[in-house]
Amino acid sequence: MSEAETLDEVLAELRACRICRDAPLYLPPLPHQPRPVIQASATARLCIAGQAPGTRVHASGRPFTDPSGVRLRSWLGIDEAAFYDAAKVAIVPMGHCFPGLDAKGGDKPPRRECAPTWRARVFAAMPRIELVLAVGRYAQNWHLGAGEAANLSATVARWREILDRPVRPRILPLPHPSWRNNAWLRRNPWFEAELVPALRAEVAQLLALPDEPQ
């Protein structure tokens, strides 16, 4: 990203991106029309780094318009109005387009072309981000490094140590809020007892800060 490149310029390019369909690097071309999904602004202080749109988000064009979004907002302790306030909350998935379904009907992993092409440019244009919620293994691999984030349970269990690191933006690892993780949540009651209250406090503090001019 050049010094003169604005977030609006990056987003205009990203929303017109067709790499995974027209010039795929790793996998066969995306079999459907790409529809990049992102929520971002230059004033946002909180960033939710998710995985990739599912079928409902692909249809709506808006991130987390599905049951996972309901659970995630509950974890954060905020309503839809706050969640979709782009001036305060950025939502930047690892893959911006729906990657399709696998043979078992589950979502495929984020396309590998996406993050190396767009992620650095998007974050460079959001200089006020103070906290990244790394939701799921793909986001944790990117923001923490594959070696450190090889095991999701172990990574999330170390959330205090990771959050307290003297880096900016700070990183807080979370499991994906999908129903597929219901068993994980039952096995790890400390998540809702200990991590979720700390998460809500962090989010409330960030969202209470005044907006600054771009």
N, C-alpha and C. Protein backbone atom coordinates (compact mmCIF):
# COMPACT_ATOMS: atom_id res chain seq x y z
N MET A 1 0.84 -1.20 0.00
CA MET A 1 0.00 0.00 0.00
C MET A 1 0.87 1.24 0.00
N SER A 2 0.60 2.20 -0.90
CA SER A 2 1.35 3.44 -0.95
C SER A 2 0.87 4.36 0.15
N GLU A 3 1.69 5.40 0.47
CA GLU A 3 1.31 6.32 1.53
C GLU A 3 0.03 7.05 1.18
N ALA A 4 -0.22 7.28 -0.11
CA ALA A 4 -1.37 8.06 -0.53
C ALA A 4 -2.65 7.23 -0.62
N GLU A 5 -2.53 5.91 -0.49
CA GLU A 5 -3.69 5.05 -0.68
C GLU A 5 -4.62 5.14 0.53
N THR A 6 -5.88 5.44 0.27
CA THR A 6 -6.87 5.55 1.33
C THR A 6 -7.63 4.25 1.49
N LEU A 7 -8.31 4.12 2.61
CA LEU A 7 -9.12 2.93 2.84
C LEU A 7 -10.21 2.81 1.78
N ASP A 8 -10.81 3.92 1.39
CA ASP A 8 -11.85 3.88 0.35
C ASP A 8 -11.29 3.30 -0.94
N GLU A 9 -10.07 3.65 -1.28
CA GLU A 9 -9.45 3.12 -2.50
C GLU A 9 -9.20 1.62 -2.38
N VAL A 10 -8.71 1.20 -1.22
CA VAL A 10 -8.47 -0.23 -1.00
C VAL A 10 -9.78 -1.01 -1.08
N LEU A 11 -10.81 -0.49 -0.41
CA LEU A 11 -12.10 -1.20 -0.39
C LEU A 11 -12.73 -1.27 -1.77
N ALA A 12 -12.57 -0.22 -2.57
CA ALA A 12 -13.12 -0.25 -3.92
C ALA A 12 -12.47 -1.35 -4.75
N GLU A 13 -11.15 -1.50 -4.60
CA GLU A 13 -10.44 -2.57 -5.31
C GLU A 13 -10.85 -3.94 -4.78
N LEU A 14 -10.91 -4.04 -3.46
CA LEU A 14 -11.24 -5.33 -2.85
C LEU A 14 -12.63 -5.80 -3.27
N ARG A 15 -13.57 -4.91 -3.26
CA ARG A 15 -14.95 -5.30 -3.61
C ARG A 15 -15.10 -5.66 -5.08
N ALA A 16 -14.13 -5.26 -5.89
CA ALA A 16 -14.15 -5.64 -7.30
C ALA A 16 -13.26 -6.84 -7.58
N CYS A 17 -12.65 -7.42 -6.52
CA CYS A 17 -11.68 -8.50 -6.70
C CYS A 17 -12.36 -9.76 -7.25
N ARG A 18 -11.67 -10.39 -8.21
CA ARG A 18 -12.15 -11.65 -8.79
C ARG A 18 -11.00 -12.65 -8.94
N ILE A 19 -9.97 -12.51 -8.11
CA ILE A 19 -8.78 -13.35 -8.22
C ILE A 19 -9.14 -14.83 -8.13
N CYS A 20 -9.95 -15.20 -7.14
CA CYS A 20 -10.22 -16.62 -6.91
C CYS A 20 -11.07 -17.24 -8.02
N ARG A 21 -11.70 -16.41 -8.84
CA ARG A 21 -12.46 -16.94 -9.96
C ARG A 21 -11.68 -16.84 -11.28
N ASP A 22 -11.01 -15.68 -11.49
CA ASP A 22 -10.39 -15.41 -12.79
C ASP A 22 -8.90 -15.73 -12.84
N ALA A 23 -8.21 -15.70 -11.70
CA ALA A 23 -6.77 -15.95 -11.69
C ALA A 23 -6.36 -16.71 -10.45
N PRO A 24 -6.97 -17.87 -10.19
CA PRO A 24 -6.67 -18.62 -8.96
C PRO A 24 -5.23 -19.10 -8.94
N LEU A 25 -4.64 -19.09 -7.74
CA LEU A 25 -3.24 -19.47 -7.59
C LEU A 25 -3.06 -20.87 -7.03
N TYR A 26 -4.03 -21.38 -6.26
CA TYR A 26 -3.82 -22.62 -5.53
C TYR A 26 -4.86 -23.69 -5.79
N LEU A 27 -6.07 -23.29 -6.09
CA LEU A 27 -7.18 -24.22 -6.22
C LEU A 27 -7.93 -23.94 -7.52
N PRO A 28 -8.82 -24.83 -7.93
CA PRO A 28 -9.65 -24.55 -9.10
C PRO A 28 -10.42 -23.24 -8.91
N PRO A 29 -10.83 -22.62 -10.01
CA PRO A 29 -11.56 -21.34 -9.90
C PRO A 29 -12.82 -21.47 -9.06
N LEU A 30 -13.14 -20.42 -8.35
CA LEU A 30 -14.38 -20.38 -7.58
C LEU A 30 -15.54 -20.61 -8.54
N PRO A 31 -16.43 -21.55 -8.24
CA PRO A 31 -17.48 -21.91 -9.19
C PRO A 31 -18.66 -20.93 -9.23
N HIS A 32 -18.68 -19.95 -8.32
CA HIS A 32 -19.78 -19.00 -8.30
C HIS A 32 -19.23 -17.57 -8.36
N GLN A 33 -20.11 -16.63 -8.56
CA GLN A 33 -19.72 -15.23 -8.62
C GLN A 33 -19.18 -14.76 -7.27
N PRO A 34 -17.97 -14.23 -7.20
CA PRO A 34 -17.45 -13.73 -5.94
C PRO A 34 -18.29 -12.55 -5.44
N ARG A 35 -18.39 -12.45 -4.11
CA ARG A 35 -19.05 -11.31 -3.48
C ARG A 35 -18.27 -10.96 -2.22
N PRO A 36 -17.20 -10.17 -2.37
CA PRO A 36 -16.37 -9.85 -1.21
C PRO A 36 -17.16 -9.16 -0.11
N VAL A 37 -16.93 -9.59 1.12
CA VAL A 37 -17.63 -9.04 2.28
C VAL A 37 -16.60 -8.46 3.25
N ILE A 38 -16.83 -7.23 3.68
CA ILE A 38 -15.94 -6.58 4.65
C ILE A 38 -16.68 -5.41 5.26
N GLN A 39 -16.35 -5.11 6.51
CA GLN A 39 -16.80 -3.89 7.17
C GLN A 39 -15.56 -3.21 7.72
N ALA A 40 -15.33 -1.97 7.34
CA ALA A 40 -14.09 -1.31 7.75
C ALA A 40 -14.24 0.20 7.70
N SER A 41 -13.46 0.87 8.54
CA SER A 41 -13.37 2.33 8.50
C SER A 41 -12.02 2.73 9.09
N ALA A 42 -11.59 3.92 8.77
CA ALA A 42 -10.31 4.42 9.27
C ALA A 42 -10.38 4.81 10.74
N THR A 43 -11.58 4.86 11.32
CA THR A 43 -11.72 5.25 12.72
C THR A 43 -11.94 4.06 13.65
N ALA A 44 -12.16 2.88 13.11
CA ALA A 44 -12.45 1.71 13.95
C ALA A 44 -11.28 1.38 14.86
N ARG A 45 -11.60 1.02 16.10
CA ARG A 45 -10.58 0.63 17.07
C ARG A 45 -10.60 -0.87 17.36
N LEU A 46 -11.72 -1.51 17.05
CA LEU A 46 -11.88 -2.94 17.27
C LEU A 46 -12.01 -3.63 15.92
N CYS A 47 -11.29 -4.74 15.74
CA CYS A 47 -11.38 -5.51 14.50
C CYS A 47 -11.72 -6.96 14.83
N ILE A 48 -12.75 -7.47 14.19
CA ILE A 48 -13.10 -8.87 14.30
C ILE A 48 -12.53 -9.58 13.08
N ALA A 49 -11.58 -10.47 13.30
CA ALA A 49 -10.94 -11.21 12.22
C ALA A 49 -11.55 -12.61 12.18
N GLY A 50 -12.48 -12.83 11.27
CA GLY A 50 -13.16 -14.09 11.18
C GLY A 50 -12.57 -15.01 10.14
N GLN A 51 -13.36 -15.94 9.66
CA GLN A 51 -12.88 -16.95 8.73
C GLN A 51 -13.22 -16.58 7.29
N ALA A 52 -14.45 -16.82 6.85
CA ALA A 52 -14.91 -16.48 5.51
C ALA A 52 -16.43 -16.51 5.52
N PRO A 53 -17.08 -15.80 4.62
CA PRO A 53 -18.54 -15.82 4.59
C PRO A 53 -19.09 -17.21 4.35
N GLY A 54 -20.21 -17.53 5.01
CA GLY A 54 -20.96 -18.73 4.71
C GLY A 54 -22.05 -18.41 3.71
N THR A 55 -22.95 -19.33 3.53
CA THR A 55 -23.99 -19.14 2.50
C THR A 55 -24.90 -17.96 2.83
N ARG A 56 -25.27 -17.79 4.10
CA ARG A 56 -26.17 -16.69 4.46
C ARG A 56 -25.49 -15.33 4.28
N VAL A 57 -24.23 -15.25 4.67
CA VAL A 57 -23.51 -13.99 4.50
C VAL A 57 -23.25 -13.71 3.03
N HIS A 58 -22.98 -14.75 2.25
CA HIS A 58 -22.82 -14.56 0.80
C HIS A 58 -24.10 -13.98 0.21
N ALA A 59 -25.26 -14.42 0.70
CA ALA A 59 -26.53 -13.92 0.18
C ALA A 59 -26.81 -12.49 0.64
N SER A 60 -26.45 -12.17 1.89
CA SER A 60 -26.77 -10.85 2.43
C SER A 60 -25.73 -9.79 2.08
N GLY A 61 -24.47 -10.22 1.90
CA GLY A 61 -23.39 -9.26 1.68
C GLY A 61 -22.96 -8.53 2.94
N ARG A 62 -23.42 -9.00 4.09
CA ARG A 62 -23.12 -8.36 5.38
C ARG A 62 -22.55 -9.41 6.32
N PRO A 63 -21.45 -9.12 7.02
CA PRO A 63 -20.81 -10.15 7.84
C PRO A 63 -21.66 -10.61 9.01
N PHE A 64 -21.57 -11.89 9.31
CA PHE A 64 -22.18 -12.50 10.50
C PHE A 64 -23.70 -12.32 10.56
N THR A 65 -24.37 -12.37 9.40
CA THR A 65 -25.84 -12.37 9.41
C THR A 65 -26.33 -13.82 9.46
N ASP A 66 -25.99 -14.49 10.54
CA ASP A 66 -26.30 -15.91 10.72
C ASP A 66 -26.28 -16.22 12.21
N PRO A 67 -26.61 -17.44 12.61
CA PRO A 67 -26.59 -17.77 14.04
C PRO A 67 -25.23 -17.56 14.71
N SER A 68 -24.15 -17.73 13.95
CA SER A 68 -22.83 -17.46 14.53
C SER A 68 -22.71 -16.00 14.97
N GLY A 69 -23.30 -15.11 14.18
CA GLY A 69 -23.27 -13.69 14.54
C GLY A 69 -24.05 -13.40 15.81
N VAL A 70 -25.18 -14.10 15.99
CA VAL A 70 -25.97 -13.92 17.22
C VAL A 70 -25.13 -14.30 18.43
N ARG A 71 -24.46 -15.45 18.36
CA ARG A 71 -23.63 -15.89 19.48
C ARG A 71 -22.44 -14.95 19.69
N LEU A 72 -21.81 -14.53 18.61
CA LEU A 72 -20.65 -13.64 18.73
C LEU A 72 -21.05 -12.33 19.39
N ARG A 73 -22.18 -11.75 19.00
CA ARG A 73 -22.63 -10.51 19.62
C ARG A 73 -22.93 -10.71 21.10
N SER A 74 -23.44 -11.90 21.45
CA SER A 74 -23.67 -12.20 22.86
C SER A 74 -22.35 -12.24 23.61
N TRP A 75 -21.34 -12.88 23.04
CA TRP A 75 -20.02 -12.88 23.68
C TRP A 75 -19.50 -11.47 23.88
N LEU A 76 -19.69 -10.62 22.86
CA LEU A 76 -19.16 -9.25 22.93
C LEU A 76 -19.97 -8.36 23.86
N GLY A 77 -21.23 -8.73 24.11
CA GLY A 77 -22.08 -7.93 24.95
C GLY A 77 -22.61 -6.69 24.25
N ILE A 78 -22.82 -6.76 22.93
CA ILE A 78 -23.31 -5.60 22.18
C ILE A 78 -24.47 -6.02 21.29
N ASP A 79 -25.26 -5.03 20.86
CA ASP A 79 -26.38 -5.32 19.99
C ASP A 79 -25.98 -5.14 18.53
N GLU A 80 -26.93 -5.37 17.63
CA GLU A 80 -26.63 -5.27 16.20
C GLU A 80 -26.20 -3.87 15.81
N ALA A 81 -26.82 -2.84 16.39
CA ALA A 81 -26.47 -1.47 16.03
C ALA A 81 -25.00 -1.18 16.30
N ALA A 82 -24.52 -1.60 17.45
CA ALA A 82 -23.10 -1.39 17.78
C ALA A 82 -22.20 -2.27 16.92
N PHE A 83 -22.62 -3.51 16.71
CA PHE A 83 -21.81 -4.46 15.95
C PHE A 83 -21.60 -3.99 14.51
N TYR A 84 -22.63 -3.41 13.91
CA TYR A 84 -22.54 -2.98 12.53
C TYR A 84 -22.21 -1.49 12.39
N ASP A 85 -21.71 -0.88 13.44
CA ASP A 85 -21.24 0.50 13.38
C ASP A 85 -19.80 0.49 12.87
N ALA A 86 -19.65 0.67 11.57
CA ALA A 86 -18.32 0.55 10.95
C ALA A 86 -17.35 1.60 11.47
N ALA A 87 -17.84 2.71 11.99
CA ALA A 87 -16.94 3.73 12.52
C ALA A 87 -16.18 3.23 13.74
N LYS A 88 -16.74 2.20 14.41
CA LYS A 88 -16.10 1.68 15.62
C LYS A 88 -15.62 0.24 15.49
N VAL A 89 -16.31 -0.56 14.67
CA VAL A 89 -16.02 -1.99 14.58
C VAL A 89 -15.71 -2.36 13.13
N ALA A 90 -14.52 -2.89 12.91
CA ALA A 90 -14.16 -3.44 11.61
C ALA A 90 -14.35 -4.96 11.66
N ILE A 91 -14.82 -5.53 10.56
CA ILE A 91 -14.97 -6.98 10.45
C ILE A 91 -14.26 -7.40 9.17
N VAL A 92 -13.09 -8.03 9.35
CA VAL A 92 -12.20 -8.33 8.22
C VAL A 92 -11.90 -9.82 8.22
N PRO A 93 -12.64 -10.61 7.45
CA PRO A 93 -12.41 -12.06 7.44
C PRO A 93 -11.10 -12.43 6.75
N MET A 94 -10.64 -13.64 7.00
CA MET A 94 -9.42 -14.11 6.34
C MET A 94 -9.65 -14.33 4.84
N GLY A 95 -10.85 -14.74 4.49
CA GLY A 95 -11.24 -14.82 3.08
C GLY A 95 -12.50 -14.00 2.91
N HIS A 96 -12.53 -13.11 1.94
CA HIS A 96 -13.65 -12.17 1.83
C HIS A 96 -14.84 -12.74 1.06
N CYS A 97 -14.64 -13.83 0.35
CA CYS A 97 -15.72 -14.41 -0.44
C CYS A 97 -16.08 -15.80 0.06
N PHE A 98 -17.33 -16.18 -0.13
CA PHE A 98 -17.79 -17.51 0.23
C PHE A 98 -16.98 -18.54 -0.57
N PRO A 99 -16.26 -19.45 0.12
CA PRO A 99 -15.38 -20.38 -0.58
C PRO A 99 -16.06 -21.62 -1.14
N GLY A 100 -17.35 -21.79 -0.87
CA GLY A 100 -18.07 -22.98 -1.31
C GLY A 100 -18.18 -24.01 -0.20
N LEU A 101 -18.88 -25.10 -0.51
CA LEU A 101 -19.12 -26.16 0.46
C LEU A 101 -18.29 -27.39 0.12
N ASP A 102 -17.87 -28.11 1.16
CA ASP A 102 -17.13 -29.35 0.94
C ASP A 102 -18.11 -30.51 0.74
N ALA A 103 -17.58 -31.71 0.61
CA ALA A 103 -18.41 -32.87 0.31
C ALA A 103 -19.39 -33.19 1.42
N LYS A 104 -19.11 -32.74 2.64
CA LYS A 104 -19.99 -33.01 3.78
C LYS A 104 -20.98 -31.87 4.03
N GLY A 105 -20.95 -30.85 3.18
CA GLY A 105 -21.86 -29.74 3.35
C GLY A 105 -21.37 -28.63 4.25
N GLY A 106 -20.13 -28.74 4.72
CA GLY A 106 -19.54 -27.67 5.52
C GLY A 106 -18.83 -26.65 4.66
N ASP A 107 -18.56 -25.49 5.23
CA ASP A 107 -17.84 -24.45 4.48
C ASP A 107 -16.40 -24.88 4.24
N LYS A 108 -15.92 -24.64 3.03
CA LYS A 108 -14.51 -24.86 2.75
C LYS A 108 -13.66 -23.80 3.46
N PRO A 109 -12.35 -24.03 3.59
CA PRO A 109 -11.49 -23.02 4.21
C PRO A 109 -11.44 -21.75 3.37
N PRO A 110 -11.05 -20.63 3.97
CA PRO A 110 -10.88 -19.40 3.19
C PRO A 110 -9.92 -19.61 2.02
N ARG A 111 -10.21 -18.98 0.91
CA ARG A 111 -9.32 -19.09 -0.24
C ARG A 111 -7.94 -18.52 0.11
N ARG A 112 -6.90 -19.23 -0.29
CA ARG A 112 -5.54 -18.85 0.09
C ARG A 112 -5.04 -17.61 -0.65
N GLU A 113 -5.71 -17.23 -1.73
CA GLU A 113 -5.28 -16.03 -2.45
C GLU A 113 -5.60 -14.75 -1.68
N CYS A 114 -6.60 -14.81 -0.83
CA CYS A 114 -7.22 -13.60 -0.31
C CYS A 114 -6.34 -12.83 0.69
N ALA A 115 -5.96 -13.47 1.79
CA ALA A 115 -5.25 -12.75 2.84
C ALA A 115 -3.93 -12.13 2.37
N PRO A 116 -3.08 -12.87 1.62
CA PRO A 116 -1.83 -12.24 1.18
C PRO A 116 -2.06 -11.07 0.23
N THR A 117 -3.16 -11.07 -0.47
CA THR A 117 -3.44 -9.99 -1.43
C THR A 117 -3.96 -8.75 -0.73
N TRP A 118 -4.80 -8.90 0.29
CA TRP A 118 -5.55 -7.76 0.81
C TRP A 118 -5.24 -7.38 2.25
N ARG A 119 -4.80 -8.32 3.07
CA ARG A 119 -4.82 -8.06 4.51
C ARG A 119 -3.89 -6.91 4.93
N ALA A 120 -2.68 -6.90 4.43
CA ALA A 120 -1.74 -5.84 4.83
C ALA A 120 -2.25 -4.47 4.39
N ARG A 121 -2.83 -4.40 3.21
CA ARG A 121 -3.33 -3.12 2.70
C ARG A 121 -4.50 -2.61 3.54
N VAL A 122 -5.41 -3.51 3.88
CA VAL A 122 -6.56 -3.10 4.69
C VAL A 122 -6.12 -2.62 6.06
N PHE A 123 -5.24 -3.36 6.72
CA PHE A 123 -4.82 -2.96 8.07
C PHE A 123 -3.96 -1.70 8.05
N ALA A 124 -3.19 -1.51 7.00
CA ALA A 124 -2.40 -0.27 6.90
C ALA A 124 -3.30 0.95 6.79
N ALA A 125 -4.49 0.77 6.26
CA ALA A 125 -5.43 1.88 6.10
C ALA A 125 -6.36 2.02 7.30
N MET A 126 -6.17 1.19 8.33
CA MET A 126 -6.95 1.30 9.58
C MET A 126 -5.99 1.49 10.75
N PRO A 127 -5.33 2.62 10.85
CA PRO A 127 -4.25 2.80 11.83
C PRO A 127 -4.71 2.88 13.27
N ARG A 128 -6.01 3.01 13.53
CA ARG A 128 -6.48 3.17 14.91
C ARG A 128 -6.92 1.86 15.56
N ILE A 129 -6.80 0.76 14.84
CA ILE A 129 -7.17 -0.53 15.43
C ILE A 129 -6.31 -0.80 16.66
N GLU A 130 -6.97 -1.06 17.78
CA GLU A 130 -6.27 -1.33 19.04
C GLU A 130 -6.38 -2.78 19.48
N LEU A 131 -7.44 -3.47 19.03
CA LEU A 131 -7.64 -4.85 19.45
C LEU A 131 -8.19 -5.65 18.28
N VAL A 132 -7.56 -6.80 18.01
CA VAL A 132 -8.02 -7.73 16.98
C VAL A 132 -8.53 -8.98 17.68
N LEU A 133 -9.79 -9.32 17.44
CA LEU A 133 -10.34 -10.57 17.94
C LEU A 133 -10.10 -11.62 16.87
N ALA A 134 -9.17 -12.52 17.12
CA ALA A 134 -8.79 -13.56 16.15
C ALA A 134 -9.72 -14.74 16.35
N VAL A 135 -10.77 -14.81 15.51
CA VAL A 135 -11.83 -15.79 15.67
C VAL A 135 -11.52 -17.03 14.83
N GLY A 136 -11.15 -18.11 15.48
CA GLY A 136 -10.87 -19.35 14.78
C GLY A 136 -9.41 -19.51 14.39
N ARG A 137 -9.10 -20.72 13.95
CA ARG A 137 -7.71 -21.10 13.70
C ARG A 137 -7.07 -20.32 12.56
N TYR A 138 -7.81 -20.04 11.50
CA TYR A 138 -7.20 -19.35 10.36
C TYR A 138 -6.76 -17.94 10.73
N ALA A 139 -7.60 -17.23 11.46
CA ALA A 139 -7.22 -15.89 11.91
C ALA A 139 -6.07 -15.94 12.91
N GLN A 140 -6.09 -16.93 13.78
CA GLN A 140 -5.01 -17.04 14.77
C GLN A 140 -3.69 -17.39 14.10
N ASN A 141 -3.72 -18.26 13.09
CA ASN A 141 -2.49 -18.56 12.36
C ASN A 141 -1.89 -17.31 11.74
N TRP A 142 -2.73 -16.46 11.20
CA TRP A 142 -2.24 -15.25 10.53
C TRP A 142 -1.72 -14.23 11.53
N HIS A 143 -2.50 -13.95 12.57
CA HIS A 143 -2.17 -12.86 13.47
C HIS A 143 -1.18 -13.24 14.56
N LEU A 144 -1.07 -14.54 14.86
CA LEU A 144 -0.13 -14.99 15.89
C LEU A 144 1.03 -15.81 15.31
N GLY A 145 0.85 -16.32 14.11
CA GLY A 145 1.86 -17.19 13.52
C GLY A 145 1.44 -18.63 13.62
N ALA A 146 1.65 -19.39 12.55
CA ALA A 146 1.19 -20.78 12.50
C ALA A 146 1.82 -21.63 13.60
N GLY A 147 3.06 -21.37 13.93
CA GLY A 147 3.73 -22.16 14.96
C GLY A 147 3.10 -21.97 16.32
N GLU A 148 2.72 -20.75 16.64
CA GLU A 148 2.15 -20.47 17.95
C GLU A 148 0.68 -20.87 18.03
N ALA A 149 -0.02 -20.84 16.90
CA ALA A 149 -1.46 -21.07 16.91
C ALA A 149 -1.83 -22.42 16.31
N ALA A 150 -0.95 -23.40 16.45
CA ALA A 150 -1.20 -24.70 15.82
C ALA A 150 -2.40 -25.41 16.43
N ASN A 151 -2.68 -25.18 17.69
CA ASN A 151 -3.79 -25.84 18.38
C ASN A 151 -4.72 -24.79 18.94
N LEU A 152 -5.97 -24.77 18.46
CA LEU A 152 -6.89 -23.71 18.86
C LEU A 152 -7.15 -23.72 20.35
N SER A 153 -7.42 -24.89 20.93
CA SER A 153 -7.73 -24.95 22.35
C SER A 153 -6.58 -24.40 23.19
N ALA A 154 -5.36 -24.80 22.85
CA ALA A 154 -4.20 -24.33 23.61
C ALA A 154 -4.01 -22.83 23.43
N THR A 155 -4.27 -22.34 22.22
CA THR A 155 -4.11 -20.91 21.96
C THR A 155 -5.11 -20.09 22.74
N VAL A 156 -6.39 -20.47 22.68
CA VAL A 156 -7.42 -19.72 23.40
C VAL A 156 -7.19 -19.81 24.91
N ALA A 157 -6.70 -20.94 25.39
CA ALA A 157 -6.43 -21.08 26.82
C ALA A 157 -5.36 -20.11 27.31
N ARG A 158 -4.51 -19.65 26.39
CA ARG A 158 -3.44 -18.71 26.75
C ARG A 158 -3.86 -17.27 26.49
N TRP A 159 -5.15 -17.00 26.47
CA TRP A 159 -5.65 -15.70 26.06
C TRP A 159 -5.12 -14.55 26.91
N ARG A 160 -4.96 -14.76 28.22
CA ARG A 160 -4.47 -13.68 29.07
C ARG A 160 -3.06 -13.26 28.68
N GLU A 161 -2.20 -14.25 28.52
CA GLU A 161 -0.80 -13.96 28.16
C GLU A 161 -0.72 -13.27 26.80
N ILE A 162 -1.52 -13.73 25.84
CA ILE A 162 -1.51 -13.15 24.49
C ILE A 162 -2.06 -11.73 24.53
N LEU A 163 -3.16 -11.52 25.23
CA LEU A 163 -3.77 -10.19 25.29
C LEU A 163 -2.87 -9.18 25.98
N ASP A 164 -2.07 -9.62 26.94
CA ASP A 164 -1.25 -8.69 27.73
C ASP A 164 0.09 -8.35 27.08
N ARG A 165 0.36 -8.89 25.91
CA ARG A 165 1.63 -8.58 25.26
C ARG A 165 1.71 -7.09 24.89
N PRO A 166 2.90 -6.50 24.99
CA PRO A 166 3.05 -5.07 24.69
C PRO A 166 3.18 -4.82 23.18
N VAL A 167 2.13 -5.18 22.45
CA VAL A 167 2.12 -4.96 21.00
C VAL A 167 0.85 -4.20 20.65
N ARG A 168 0.85 -3.62 19.48
CA ARG A 168 -0.34 -2.91 19.01
C ARG A 168 -0.53 -3.23 17.53
N PRO A 169 -1.73 -3.68 17.15
CA PRO A 169 -2.87 -3.93 18.02
C PRO A 169 -2.67 -5.18 18.87
N ARG A 170 -3.33 -5.22 20.00
CA ARG A 170 -3.33 -6.42 20.82
C ARG A 170 -4.21 -7.48 20.15
N ILE A 171 -3.96 -8.74 20.50
CA ILE A 171 -4.69 -9.85 19.91
C ILE A 171 -5.40 -10.62 21.02
N LEU A 172 -6.66 -10.98 20.77
CA LEU A 172 -7.40 -11.84 21.70
C LEU A 172 -7.95 -13.01 20.90
N PRO A 173 -7.45 -14.23 21.13
CA PRO A 173 -7.93 -15.39 20.38
C PRO A 173 -9.28 -15.90 20.90
N LEU A 174 -10.16 -16.24 19.97
CA LEU A 174 -11.48 -16.77 20.32
C LEU A 174 -11.77 -18.00 19.47
N PRO A 175 -12.59 -18.92 19.98
CA PRO A 175 -13.08 -19.99 19.12
C PRO A 175 -14.12 -19.41 18.16
N HIS A 176 -14.42 -20.13 17.10
CA HIS A 176 -15.48 -19.67 16.20
C HIS A 176 -16.83 -19.85 16.91
N PRO A 177 -17.74 -18.90 16.77
CA PRO A 177 -19.03 -19.02 17.46
C PRO A 177 -20.03 -19.96 16.78
N SER A 178 -19.59 -20.75 15.84
CA SER A 178 -20.46 -21.69 15.14
C SER A 178 -21.05 -22.73 16.10
N TRP A 179 -22.23 -23.24 15.76
CA TRP A 179 -22.84 -24.33 16.54
C TRP A 179 -21.95 -25.57 16.53
N ARG A 180 -21.08 -25.68 15.54
CA ARG A 180 -20.17 -26.84 15.50
C ARG A 180 -19.21 -26.85 16.69
N ASN A 181 -19.09 -25.73 17.38
CA ASN A 181 -18.21 -25.66 18.54
C ASN A 181 -18.96 -25.80 19.86
N ASN A 182 -20.22 -26.23 19.81
CA ASN A 182 -20.98 -26.41 21.06
C ASN A 182 -20.29 -27.39 22.00
N ALA A 183 -19.77 -28.49 21.45
CA ALA A 183 -19.09 -29.48 22.30
C ALA A 183 -17.84 -28.88 22.93
N TRP A 184 -17.10 -28.07 22.17
CA TRP A 184 -15.89 -27.42 22.70
C TRP A 184 -16.27 -26.50 23.86
N LEU A 185 -17.35 -25.75 23.69
CA LEU A 185 -17.77 -24.83 24.75
C LEU A 185 -18.18 -25.59 26.01
N ARG A 186 -18.82 -26.75 25.84
CA ARG A 186 -19.19 -27.55 27.01
C ARG A 186 -17.96 -28.10 27.72
N ARG A 187 -16.93 -28.46 26.94
CA ARG A 187 -15.71 -29.02 27.53
C ARG A 187 -14.85 -27.94 28.19
N ASN A 188 -15.09 -26.70 27.85
CA ASN A 188 -14.24 -25.60 28.32
C ASN A 188 -15.09 -24.51 28.96
N PRO A 189 -15.70 -24.80 30.11
CA PRO A 189 -16.59 -23.82 30.75
C PRO A 189 -15.87 -22.55 31.18
N TRP A 190 -14.54 -22.60 31.33
CA TRP A 190 -13.78 -21.40 31.68
C TRP A 190 -13.92 -20.31 30.63
N PHE A 191 -14.23 -20.71 29.38
CA PHE A 191 -14.32 -19.70 28.33
C PHE A 191 -15.41 -18.68 28.65
N GLU A 192 -16.61 -19.16 28.93
CA GLU A 192 -17.71 -18.23 29.22
C GLU A 192 -17.62 -17.66 30.64
N ALA A 193 -16.98 -18.38 31.54
CA ALA A 193 -16.86 -17.90 32.91
C ALA A 193 -15.77 -16.86 33.09
N GLU A 194 -14.68 -16.98 32.32
CA GLU A 194 -13.52 -16.11 32.53
C GLU A 194 -13.22 -15.22 31.33
N LEU A 195 -13.15 -15.82 30.15
CA LEU A 195 -12.75 -15.02 28.98
C LEU A 195 -13.86 -14.07 28.53
N VAL A 196 -15.09 -14.53 28.47
CA VAL A 196 -16.17 -13.68 27.96
C VAL A 196 -16.35 -12.40 28.78
N PRO A 197 -16.34 -12.44 30.11
CA PRO A 197 -16.43 -11.17 30.86
C PRO A 197 -15.29 -10.21 30.54
N ALA A 198 -14.07 -10.74 30.40
CA ALA A 198 -12.94 -9.88 30.04
C ALA A 198 -13.11 -9.31 28.64
N LEU A 199 -13.62 -10.15 27.72
CA LEU A 199 -13.88 -9.69 26.36
C LEU A 199 -14.90 -8.55 26.37
N ARG A 200 -15.99 -8.70 27.09
CA ARG A 200 -17.02 -7.66 27.13
C ARG A 200 -16.47 -6.36 27.70
N ALA A 201 -15.61 -6.45 28.69
CA ALA A 201 -15.02 -5.24 29.28
C ALA A 201 -14.12 -4.53 28.26
N GLU A 202 -13.32 -5.31 27.53
CA GLU A 202 -12.44 -4.72 26.51
C GLU A 202 -13.28 -4.03 25.43
N VAL A 203 -14.32 -4.70 24.97
CA VAL A 203 -15.15 -4.15 23.90
C VAL A 203 -15.86 -2.89 24.37
N ALA A 204 -16.43 -2.93 25.56
CA ALA A 204 -17.13 -1.75 26.09
C ALA A 204 -16.21 -0.55 26.19
N GLN A 205 -14.98 -0.79 26.63
CA GLN A 205 -14.02 0.30 26.77
C GLN A 205 -13.68 0.90 25.41
N LEU A 206 -13.46 0.06 24.42
CA LEU A 206 -13.10 0.56 23.08
C LEU A 206 -14.25 1.31 22.44
N LEU A 207 -15.46 0.78 22.57
CA LEU A 207 -16.59 1.41 21.91
C LEU A 207 -16.99 2.73 22.60
N ALA A 208 -16.57 2.91 23.83
CA ALA A 208 -16.89 4.14 24.54
C ALA A 208 -15.96 5.29 24.16
N LEU A 209 -14.85 4.99 23.51
CA LEU A 209 -13.92 6.04 23.12
C LEU A 209 -14.54 6.90 22.02
N PRO A 210 -14.28 8.22 22.05
CA PRO A 210 -14.85 9.08 21.01
C PRO A 210 -14.23 8.83 19.65
N ASP A 211 -15.04 8.99 18.61
CA ASP A 211 -14.51 8.90 17.25
C ASP A 211 -13.55 10.04 17.01
N GLU A 212 -12.56 9.80 16.19
CA GLU A 212 -11.61 10.85 15.82
C GLU A 212 -11.77 11.12 14.33
N PRO A 213 -11.48 12.34 13.89
CA PRO A 213 -11.60 12.66 12.47
C PRO A 213 -10.63 11.83 11.66
N GLN A 214 -11.04 11.42 10.45
CA GLN A 214 -10.17 10.63 9.57
C GLN A 214 -9.07 11.50 9.01
